[in-house]
Protein backbone atom coordinates (compact mmCIF):
# COMPACT_ATOMS: atom_id res chain seq x y z
CA MET A 1 -51.28 -111.61 -52.38
CA GLU A 2 -49.60 -110.24 -49.47
CA TYR A 3 -47.08 -113.14 -49.55
CA ALA A 4 -46.28 -112.68 -53.38
CA ALA A 5 -46.04 -108.67 -52.56
CA ARG A 6 -43.54 -109.37 -49.39
CA LEU A 7 -41.41 -111.85 -51.97
CA GLY A 8 -41.49 -109.26 -54.54
CA LYS A 9 -39.34 -107.14 -52.33
CA LEU A 10 -36.53 -109.49 -50.97
CA LYS A 11 -33.59 -108.61 -51.99
CA LEU A 12 -29.97 -110.47 -52.29
CA GLY A 13 -27.04 -108.40 -51.91
CA GLU A 14 -23.26 -109.52 -53.01
CA GLU A 15 -22.36 -109.82 -49.36
CA ASP A 16 -25.22 -112.36 -48.77
CA VAL A 17 -23.67 -114.83 -51.54
CA ALA A 18 -20.99 -117.40 -50.89
CA LYS A 19 -19.13 -119.79 -53.36
CA VAL A 20 -19.56 -122.99 -50.88
CA THR A 21 -18.45 -125.87 -53.51
CA PRO A 22 -15.58 -125.47 -56.05
CA ASP A 23 -18.12 -126.36 -58.89
CA ARG A 24 -21.97 -126.12 -59.86
CA ALA A 25 -24.27 -127.06 -56.76
CA TYR A 26 -26.43 -130.51 -57.10
CA GLY A 27 -27.93 -130.81 -53.52
CA VAL A 28 -28.33 -128.39 -51.00
CA ALA A 29 -30.14 -128.77 -47.44
CA VAL A 30 -30.75 -126.19 -44.94
CA HIS A 31 -29.73 -126.72 -41.15
CA PRO A 32 -33.05 -126.66 -38.99
CA SER A 33 -31.31 -124.48 -36.30
CA ALA A 34 -33.44 -121.70 -34.76
CA THR A 35 -30.33 -119.45 -34.19
CA SER A 36 -27.95 -119.96 -37.47
CA VAL A 37 -28.39 -120.38 -40.93
CA ILE A 38 -26.17 -123.07 -42.03
CA ALA A 39 -26.42 -124.40 -45.62
CA ALA A 40 -24.90 -127.53 -46.85
CA VAL A 41 -24.10 -127.85 -50.56
CA GLY A 42 -23.03 -130.99 -53.07
CA ASP A 43 -21.38 -130.56 -56.43
CA ARG A 44 -20.60 -132.68 -59.06
CA ASP A 45 -17.14 -133.54 -58.44
CA GLY A 46 -17.91 -134.88 -55.07
CA ASN A 47 -17.40 -131.99 -52.91
CA LEU A 48 -19.54 -131.02 -49.84
CA GLY A 49 -19.51 -127.50 -48.71
CA VAL A 50 -20.81 -126.28 -45.39
CA TRP A 51 -21.68 -122.61 -45.28
CA ASN A 52 -22.44 -120.89 -42.14
CA ALA A 53 -24.01 -117.58 -43.45
CA ASP A 54 -24.17 -115.95 -39.93
CA ALA A 55 -20.45 -116.40 -39.32
CA PRO A 56 -18.85 -113.25 -38.15
CA GLU A 57 -17.49 -110.79 -40.78
CA GLY A 58 -13.60 -111.94 -41.30
CA SER A 59 -14.00 -115.58 -40.28
CA PRO A 60 -11.85 -118.04 -41.85
CA ASN A 61 -12.91 -118.59 -45.67
CA ASP A 62 -16.33 -116.66 -45.25
CA GLY A 63 -17.74 -119.51 -42.67
CA VAL A 64 -17.38 -121.94 -45.51
CA MET A 65 -15.73 -125.51 -44.88
CA THR A 66 -15.19 -127.83 -47.99
CA PHE A 67 -14.93 -131.42 -47.67
CA THR A 68 -14.62 -134.37 -50.53
CA PRO A 69 -16.29 -137.31 -48.96
CA HIS A 70 -17.45 -138.43 -52.88
CA THR A 71 -15.73 -139.35 -55.76
CA LYS A 72 -18.75 -138.33 -57.59
CA VAL A 73 -21.75 -135.91 -57.82
CA VAL A 74 -23.41 -135.23 -54.59
CA ASN A 75 -26.95 -134.45 -55.22
CA VAL A 76 -28.97 -135.39 -52.09
CA LEU A 77 -28.44 -133.94 -48.82
CA SER A 78 -30.38 -134.00 -45.71
CA PHE A 79 -29.94 -133.32 -42.14
CA ASN A 80 -31.27 -136.03 -39.52
CA PRO A 81 -34.46 -134.78 -38.46
CA HIS A 82 -33.80 -136.72 -34.77
CA ASN A 83 -30.10 -135.64 -34.76
CA PRO A 84 -29.67 -132.44 -36.70
CA ALA A 85 -25.85 -132.74 -35.92
CA LEU A 86 -26.08 -135.71 -38.54
CA LEU A 87 -25.92 -134.83 -42.27
CA TYR A 88 -26.72 -137.51 -44.87
CA SER A 89 -25.17 -137.17 -48.63
CA THR A 90 -25.61 -139.40 -51.75
């Protein structure tokens, strides 16, 4: 029960949310960094957004970079476990 009680106390504020892709998110991967919270998000139009949630306040685009590497939905994202600098997307 301790875990459930701790989960129930979590709060998410507006300052902790970012629009990472222009459209609805279909795939998400979290980078295995021990020092930063970085998420990659894919949407239905082929957009891929990378969000550094720990970016300093006032960073360009609030720490979000967006690319369009696909022409259709990006629904699977995965960081390479042996080289986390590589992000796979389908």
